Amino acid sequence: LPAVREETAIDLLVDAGFSLLGTWVATDAGIALSTPAPKDPGVYAFAVDDAVKYIGVTRMGFARRMYSYAQPGSTQRTSQRINEIIGEHARVGTMVEIYIAVPPALEWNGLPIHTAAGLEAGLIDMIQPPWNRMGVS
């Protein structure tokens, strides 16, 4: 039998500095954000019933990344898959919340470190969110 993963409470991320952006809502066209997203790059999490379901990172900014979930392009496989999952929840009235964090950029010996990418990888490894596929064992 496969091991059953314990759900990780969103409080873990909130306590570390993530903040609630808003929720996904059902629309005639599919799904949309309940509130505008900032243009900052960073790490985001989707949560259902206070449990972390998905962790992602964006370099293009939250606004563009969330738009790609709401209106995925024909080649955006992950966005299409997550759009379907969120849409199923939104249509039956289950709230999917969006939490975001903008970790500061760092340097190591004068070289740039993208802390958001490392934070995303570390969180996926630690939490093993059920909607993530990359990095989940």
N, C-alpha and C. Protein backbone atom coordinates (compact mmCIF):
# COMPACT_ATOMS: atom_id res chain seq x y z
N LEU A 1 0.84 -1.20 0.00
CA LEU A 1 0.00 0.00 0.00
C LEU A 1 0.87 1.25 0.00
N PRO A 2 0.49 2.28 -0.80
CA PRO A 2 1.27 3.52 -0.75
C PRO A 2 1.06 4.24 0.58
N ALA A 3 2.10 4.92 1.02
CA ALA A 3 2.01 5.66 2.28
C ALA A 3 1.01 6.80 2.13
N VAL A 4 0.20 7.02 3.13
CA VAL A 4 -0.74 8.13 3.14
C VAL A 4 -0.02 9.35 3.71
N ARG A 5 0.01 10.42 2.94
CA ARG A 5 0.67 11.64 3.38
C ARG A 5 -0.18 12.38 4.40
N GLU A 6 0.48 12.86 5.42
CA GLU A 6 -0.19 13.75 6.36
C GLU A 6 -0.39 15.08 5.66
N GLU A 7 -1.55 15.69 5.86
CA GLU A 7 -1.79 17.02 5.31
C GLU A 7 -0.95 18.02 6.11
N THR A 8 -0.38 19.01 5.44
CA THR A 8 0.38 20.06 6.11
C THR A 8 -0.52 21.29 6.24
N ALA A 9 -0.67 21.77 7.46
CA ALA A 9 -1.51 22.93 7.72
C ALA A 9 -0.88 24.19 7.13
N ILE A 10 -1.71 25.04 6.54
CA ILE A 10 -1.24 26.30 5.95
C ILE A 10 -0.61 27.19 7.01
N ASP A 11 -0.97 26.98 8.29
CA ASP A 11 -0.38 27.76 9.39
C ASP A 11 1.14 27.69 9.38
N LEU A 12 1.71 26.56 8.96
CA LEU A 12 3.16 26.44 8.89
C LEU A 12 3.74 27.54 8.01
N LEU A 13 3.11 27.79 6.85
CA LEU A 13 3.60 28.81 5.93
C LEU A 13 3.26 30.22 6.41
N VAL A 14 2.06 30.38 6.97
CA VAL A 14 1.65 31.70 7.49
C VAL A 14 2.59 32.12 8.62
N ASP A 15 2.91 31.19 9.51
CA ASP A 15 3.82 31.49 10.61
C ASP A 15 5.20 31.88 10.11
N ALA A 16 5.59 31.39 8.92
CA ALA A 16 6.90 31.69 8.35
C ALA A 16 6.88 32.99 7.54
N GLY A 17 5.70 33.57 7.31
CA GLY A 17 5.66 34.84 6.60
C GLY A 17 4.82 34.89 5.34
N PHE A 18 4.17 33.79 4.97
CA PHE A 18 3.25 33.82 3.82
C PHE A 18 2.01 34.61 4.22
N SER A 19 1.40 35.31 3.26
CA SER A 19 0.17 36.04 3.55
C SER A 19 -0.92 35.64 2.55
N LEU A 20 -2.15 35.74 3.01
CA LEU A 20 -3.29 35.38 2.17
C LEU A 20 -3.45 36.43 1.07
N LEU A 21 -3.44 35.98 -0.18
CA LEU A 21 -3.70 36.88 -1.31
C LEU A 21 -5.20 36.96 -1.56
N GLY A 22 -5.85 35.81 -1.61
CA GLY A 22 -7.28 35.76 -1.90
C GLY A 22 -7.69 34.34 -2.18
N THR A 23 -8.77 34.19 -2.94
CA THR A 23 -9.27 32.86 -3.26
C THR A 23 -9.56 32.78 -4.75
N TRP A 24 -9.67 31.55 -5.23
CA TRP A 24 -10.13 31.31 -6.59
C TRP A 24 -11.66 31.26 -6.55
N VAL A 25 -12.29 31.87 -7.53
CA VAL A 25 -13.75 31.87 -7.60
C VAL A 25 -14.20 31.34 -8.96
N ALA A 26 -15.35 30.67 -8.97
CA ALA A 26 -15.91 30.16 -10.23
C ALA A 26 -16.53 31.33 -10.99
N THR A 27 -16.31 31.36 -12.31
CA THR A 27 -16.92 32.37 -13.18
C THR A 27 -17.56 31.63 -14.36
N ASP A 28 -18.31 32.35 -15.17
CA ASP A 28 -18.90 31.74 -16.37
C ASP A 28 -17.81 31.21 -17.29
N ALA A 29 -16.65 31.88 -17.29
CA ALA A 29 -15.55 31.49 -18.18
C ALA A 29 -14.62 30.45 -17.55
N GLY A 30 -14.80 30.14 -16.27
CA GLY A 30 -13.90 29.18 -15.60
C GLY A 30 -13.60 29.59 -14.18
N ILE A 31 -12.35 30.08 -13.96
CA ILE A 31 -11.96 30.53 -12.63
C ILE A 31 -11.30 31.90 -12.73
N ALA A 32 -11.33 32.63 -11.62
CA ALA A 32 -10.69 33.94 -11.53
C ALA A 32 -10.27 34.18 -10.09
N LEU A 33 -9.37 35.13 -9.91
CA LEU A 33 -8.94 35.52 -8.57
C LEU A 33 -9.97 36.44 -7.95
N SER A 34 -10.13 36.33 -6.63
CA SER A 34 -11.07 37.20 -5.92
C SER A 34 -10.52 38.61 -5.75
N THR A 35 -9.22 38.79 -5.96
CA THR A 35 -8.56 40.07 -5.75
C THR A 35 -7.36 40.16 -6.70
N PRO A 36 -6.97 41.36 -7.11
CA PRO A 36 -5.80 41.46 -8.00
C PRO A 36 -4.53 40.95 -7.30
N ALA A 37 -3.67 40.31 -8.08
CA ALA A 37 -2.40 39.80 -7.54
C ALA A 37 -1.29 40.81 -7.83
N PRO A 38 -0.30 40.89 -6.94
CA PRO A 38 0.82 41.81 -7.17
C PRO A 38 1.71 41.33 -8.32
N LYS A 39 2.53 42.24 -8.82
CA LYS A 39 3.44 41.91 -9.92
C LYS A 39 4.77 41.33 -9.43
N ASP A 40 4.96 41.28 -8.10
CA ASP A 40 6.21 40.76 -7.53
C ASP A 40 6.42 39.30 -7.88
N PRO A 41 7.67 38.88 -8.05
CA PRO A 41 7.96 37.44 -8.13
C PRO A 41 7.99 36.85 -6.73
N GLY A 42 7.85 35.53 -6.62
CA GLY A 42 7.91 34.90 -5.31
C GLY A 42 7.37 33.49 -5.31
N VAL A 43 7.02 33.03 -4.13
CA VAL A 43 6.53 31.67 -3.91
C VAL A 43 5.06 31.75 -3.52
N TYR A 44 4.27 30.80 -4.01
CA TYR A 44 2.85 30.80 -3.67
C TYR A 44 2.41 29.39 -3.29
N ALA A 45 1.31 29.35 -2.54
CA ALA A 45 0.74 28.07 -2.12
C ALA A 45 -0.76 28.14 -2.30
N PHE A 46 -1.35 27.02 -2.73
CA PHE A 46 -2.80 26.89 -2.78
C PHE A 46 -3.20 25.98 -1.62
N ALA A 47 -4.26 26.37 -0.92
CA ALA A 47 -4.71 25.61 0.25
C ALA A 47 -6.22 25.37 0.16
N VAL A 48 -6.63 24.18 0.60
CA VAL A 48 -8.04 23.81 0.70
C VAL A 48 -8.26 23.31 2.12
N ASP A 49 -9.28 23.83 2.78
CA ASP A 49 -9.57 23.45 4.17
C ASP A 49 -8.34 23.56 5.06
N ASP A 50 -7.61 24.66 4.90
CA ASP A 50 -6.42 24.97 5.69
C ASP A 50 -5.26 23.98 5.50
N ALA A 51 -5.29 23.18 4.43
CA ALA A 51 -4.21 22.24 4.14
C ALA A 51 -3.52 22.65 2.84
N VAL A 52 -2.19 22.61 2.83
CA VAL A 52 -1.41 22.96 1.64
C VAL A 52 -1.62 21.89 0.57
N LYS A 53 -2.02 22.32 -0.61
CA LYS A 53 -2.26 21.39 -1.72
C LYS A 53 -1.25 21.56 -2.85
N TYR A 54 -0.68 22.76 -2.99
CA TYR A 54 0.23 23.02 -4.11
C TYR A 54 1.19 24.13 -3.72
N ILE A 55 2.44 23.99 -4.15
CA ILE A 55 3.47 25.01 -3.94
C ILE A 55 4.05 25.34 -5.31
N GLY A 56 4.21 26.63 -5.59
CA GLY A 56 4.79 27.05 -6.86
C GLY A 56 5.66 28.27 -6.68
N VAL A 57 6.42 28.58 -7.73
CA VAL A 57 7.29 29.76 -7.73
C VAL A 57 7.06 30.50 -9.04
N THR A 58 7.17 31.80 -9.00
CA THR A 58 7.06 32.59 -10.22
C THR A 58 8.17 33.63 -10.27
N ARG A 59 8.82 33.72 -11.42
CA ARG A 59 9.79 34.79 -11.64
C ARG A 59 9.12 35.95 -12.38
N MET A 60 8.02 35.63 -13.10
CA MET A 60 7.33 36.64 -13.91
C MET A 60 6.38 37.50 -13.08
N GLY A 61 6.14 37.12 -11.84
CA GLY A 61 5.23 37.87 -10.98
C GLY A 61 3.94 37.11 -10.74
N PHE A 62 3.37 37.34 -9.57
CA PHE A 62 2.14 36.62 -9.18
C PHE A 62 1.00 36.89 -10.14
N ALA A 63 0.84 38.15 -10.58
CA ALA A 63 -0.29 38.50 -11.46
C ALA A 63 -0.26 37.67 -12.74
N ARG A 64 0.89 37.60 -13.40
CA ARG A 64 0.99 36.84 -14.65
C ARG A 64 0.84 35.34 -14.40
N ARG A 65 1.43 34.85 -13.31
CA ARG A 65 1.34 33.41 -13.04
C ARG A 65 -0.09 32.99 -12.73
N MET A 66 -0.80 33.78 -11.93
CA MET A 66 -2.19 33.44 -11.60
C MET A 66 -3.07 33.53 -12.85
N TYR A 67 -2.77 34.50 -13.73
CA TYR A 67 -3.51 34.60 -14.99
C TYR A 67 -3.33 33.33 -15.80
N SER A 68 -2.12 32.76 -15.78
CA SER A 68 -1.87 31.54 -16.57
C SER A 68 -2.61 30.33 -15.99
N TYR A 69 -2.93 30.37 -14.70
CA TYR A 69 -3.78 29.30 -14.15
C TYR A 69 -5.24 29.52 -14.56
N ALA A 70 -5.68 30.78 -14.57
CA ALA A 70 -7.06 31.09 -14.93
C ALA A 70 -7.31 30.89 -16.43
N GLN A 71 -6.32 31.23 -17.24
CA GLN A 71 -6.44 31.15 -18.71
C GLN A 71 -5.22 30.41 -19.28
N PRO A 72 -5.09 29.11 -19.02
CA PRO A 72 -3.87 28.42 -19.46
C PRO A 72 -3.77 28.32 -20.98
N GLY A 73 -2.55 28.50 -21.47
CA GLY A 73 -2.29 28.34 -22.89
C GLY A 73 -2.30 26.87 -23.29
N SER A 74 -2.33 26.62 -24.57
CA SER A 74 -2.46 25.24 -25.08
C SER A 74 -1.25 24.37 -24.74
N THR A 75 -0.09 24.99 -24.47
CA THR A 75 1.11 24.21 -24.16
C THR A 75 1.43 24.20 -22.66
N GLN A 76 0.63 24.89 -21.86
CA GLN A 76 0.90 25.00 -20.42
C GLN A 76 0.24 23.85 -19.66
N ARG A 77 0.90 22.69 -19.69
CA ARG A 77 0.32 21.47 -19.11
C ARG A 77 0.02 21.60 -17.62
N THR A 78 0.98 22.11 -16.85
CA THR A 78 0.76 22.24 -15.41
C THR A 78 -0.39 23.21 -15.14
N SER A 79 -0.39 24.35 -15.84
CA SER A 79 -1.47 25.32 -15.64
C SER A 79 -2.82 24.72 -16.00
N GLN A 80 -2.87 23.92 -17.07
CA GLN A 80 -4.13 23.27 -17.47
C GLN A 80 -4.59 22.31 -16.38
N ARG A 81 -3.66 21.51 -15.86
CA ARG A 81 -4.00 20.50 -14.85
C ARG A 81 -4.50 21.17 -13.57
N ILE A 82 -3.78 22.20 -13.11
CA ILE A 82 -4.16 22.88 -11.87
C ILE A 82 -5.46 23.66 -12.08
N ASN A 83 -5.65 24.24 -13.27
CA ASN A 83 -6.90 24.94 -13.59
C ASN A 83 -8.09 23.99 -13.44
N GLU A 84 -7.96 22.76 -13.92
CA GLU A 84 -9.05 21.78 -13.80
C GLU A 84 -9.35 21.45 -12.34
N ILE A 85 -8.29 21.25 -11.55
CA ILE A 85 -8.48 20.92 -10.13
C ILE A 85 -9.16 22.08 -9.40
N ILE A 86 -8.65 23.30 -9.60
CA ILE A 86 -9.24 24.47 -8.94
C ILE A 86 -10.67 24.66 -9.41
N GLY A 87 -10.92 24.49 -10.70
CA GLY A 87 -12.26 24.64 -11.25
C GLY A 87 -13.26 23.68 -10.62
N GLU A 88 -12.84 22.42 -10.43
CA GLU A 88 -13.71 21.43 -9.79
C GLU A 88 -14.08 21.88 -8.38
N HIS A 89 -13.09 22.36 -7.63
CA HIS A 89 -13.34 22.84 -6.26
C HIS A 89 -14.26 24.06 -6.28
N ALA A 90 -13.96 25.02 -7.14
CA ALA A 90 -14.74 26.27 -7.18
C ALA A 90 -16.20 26.00 -7.55
N ARG A 91 -16.42 25.09 -8.48
CA ARG A 91 -17.80 24.80 -8.92
C ARG A 91 -18.65 24.17 -7.82
N VAL A 92 -18.05 23.42 -6.93
CA VAL A 92 -18.83 22.81 -5.84
C VAL A 92 -18.78 23.66 -4.56
N GLY A 93 -18.14 24.83 -4.65
CA GLY A 93 -18.13 25.75 -3.52
C GLY A 93 -17.03 25.53 -2.50
N THR A 94 -16.04 24.70 -2.84
CA THR A 94 -14.90 24.52 -1.94
C THR A 94 -13.92 25.66 -2.18
N MET A 95 -13.53 26.34 -1.12
CA MET A 95 -12.63 27.48 -1.26
C MET A 95 -11.19 27.02 -1.45
N VAL A 96 -10.55 27.52 -2.51
CA VAL A 96 -9.12 27.32 -2.72
C VAL A 96 -8.45 28.67 -2.48
N GLU A 97 -7.69 28.74 -1.39
CA GLU A 97 -7.03 29.98 -1.01
C GLU A 97 -5.63 30.05 -1.62
N ILE A 98 -5.17 31.29 -1.85
CA ILE A 98 -3.84 31.54 -2.42
C ILE A 98 -3.04 32.32 -1.38
N TYR A 99 -1.89 31.79 -1.02
CA TYR A 99 -0.97 32.45 -0.09
C TYR A 99 0.31 32.76 -0.85
N ILE A 100 0.92 33.92 -0.54
CA ILE A 100 2.13 34.31 -1.25
C ILE A 100 3.22 34.77 -0.28
N ALA A 101 4.46 34.67 -0.76
CA ALA A 101 5.62 35.17 -0.01
C ALA A 101 6.63 35.70 -1.02
N VAL A 102 7.32 36.76 -0.63
CA VAL A 102 8.36 37.35 -1.47
C VAL A 102 9.66 37.34 -0.67
N PRO A 103 10.40 36.22 -0.72
CA PRO A 103 11.66 36.16 0.03
C PRO A 103 12.70 37.09 -0.59
N PRO A 104 13.58 37.67 0.23
CA PRO A 104 14.58 38.59 -0.30
C PRO A 104 15.63 37.86 -1.13
N ALA A 105 16.18 38.56 -2.12
CA ALA A 105 17.30 38.01 -2.91
C ALA A 105 18.54 38.01 -2.03
N LEU A 106 19.38 37.03 -2.20
CA LEU A 106 20.61 36.92 -1.42
C LEU A 106 21.80 36.85 -2.36
N GLU A 107 22.99 36.90 -1.76
CA GLU A 107 24.23 36.74 -2.51
C GLU A 107 25.10 35.73 -1.80
N TRP A 108 25.91 35.06 -2.58
CA TRP A 108 26.93 34.17 -2.03
C TRP A 108 28.21 34.49 -2.78
N ASN A 109 29.20 35.01 -2.07
CA ASN A 109 30.48 35.39 -2.68
C ASN A 109 30.29 36.26 -3.92
N GLY A 110 29.34 37.19 -3.84
CA GLY A 110 29.11 38.11 -4.95
C GLY A 110 28.23 37.56 -6.06
N LEU A 111 27.74 36.33 -5.90
CA LEU A 111 26.89 35.72 -6.92
C LEU A 111 25.43 35.75 -6.46
N PRO A 112 24.50 35.91 -7.41
CA PRO A 112 23.08 36.01 -7.02
C PRO A 112 22.50 34.66 -6.64
N ILE A 113 21.63 34.69 -5.63
CA ILE A 113 20.90 33.49 -5.22
C ILE A 113 19.41 33.81 -5.34
N HIS A 114 18.69 32.98 -6.08
CA HIS A 114 17.24 33.13 -6.19
C HIS A 114 16.61 32.36 -5.03
N THR A 115 16.36 33.06 -3.94
CA THR A 115 15.85 32.39 -2.75
C THR A 115 14.45 31.82 -2.97
N ALA A 116 13.65 32.44 -3.83
CA ALA A 116 12.29 31.93 -4.07
C ALA A 116 12.36 30.52 -4.65
N ALA A 117 13.25 30.29 -5.62
CA ALA A 117 13.36 28.96 -6.23
C ALA A 117 13.79 27.92 -5.20
N GLY A 118 14.72 28.29 -4.33
CA GLY A 118 15.17 27.37 -3.29
C GLY A 118 14.09 27.11 -2.25
N LEU A 119 13.33 28.16 -1.92
CA LEU A 119 12.24 28.00 -0.96
C LEU A 119 11.17 27.07 -1.53
N GLU A 120 10.81 27.26 -2.80
CA GLU A 120 9.82 26.38 -3.42
C GLU A 120 10.29 24.92 -3.38
N ALA A 121 11.54 24.68 -3.80
CA ALA A 121 12.07 23.31 -3.83
C ALA A 121 12.09 22.70 -2.43
N GLY A 122 12.51 23.48 -1.44
CA GLY A 122 12.56 22.97 -0.06
C GLY A 122 11.19 22.65 0.49
N LEU A 123 10.21 23.51 0.19
CA LEU A 123 8.84 23.28 0.68
C LEU A 123 8.21 22.06 0.02
N ILE A 124 8.43 21.90 -1.29
CA ILE A 124 7.88 20.73 -1.98
C ILE A 124 8.49 19.46 -1.38
N ASP A 125 9.79 19.49 -1.16
CA ASP A 125 10.47 18.33 -0.59
C ASP A 125 9.95 18.02 0.81
N MET A 126 9.71 19.05 1.62
CA MET A 126 9.26 18.86 2.99
C MET A 126 7.79 18.47 3.08
N ILE A 127 6.94 19.17 2.32
CA ILE A 127 5.49 19.01 2.44
C ILE A 127 4.92 17.90 1.55
N GLN A 128 5.54 17.70 0.38
CA GLN A 128 5.03 16.73 -0.61
C GLN A 128 3.55 17.04 -0.94
N PRO A 129 3.26 18.26 -1.45
CA PRO A 129 1.87 18.63 -1.68
C PRO A 129 1.22 17.73 -2.73
N PRO A 130 -0.03 17.35 -2.50
CA PRO A 130 -0.68 16.36 -3.37
C PRO A 130 -0.90 16.83 -4.83
N TRP A 131 -0.99 18.15 -5.08
CA TRP A 131 -1.21 18.61 -6.45
C TRP A 131 0.09 18.81 -7.21
N ASN A 132 1.23 18.80 -6.49
CA ASN A 132 2.54 18.93 -7.16
C ASN A 132 2.95 17.58 -7.72
N ARG A 133 3.65 17.61 -8.82
CA ARG A 133 4.22 16.39 -9.38
C ARG A 133 5.73 16.42 -9.37
N MET A 134 6.31 17.57 -9.73
CA MET A 134 7.78 17.72 -9.76
C MET A 134 8.31 17.73 -8.33
N GLY A 135 9.31 16.92 -8.05
CA GLY A 135 9.95 16.93 -6.74
C GLY A 135 9.22 16.17 -5.65
N VAL A 136 8.06 15.60 -6.00
CA VAL A 136 7.29 14.83 -5.01
C VAL A 136 7.65 13.36 -5.16
N SER A 137 7.98 12.74 -4.04
CA SER A 137 8.38 11.33 -4.12
C SER A 137 7.22 10.40 -3.85
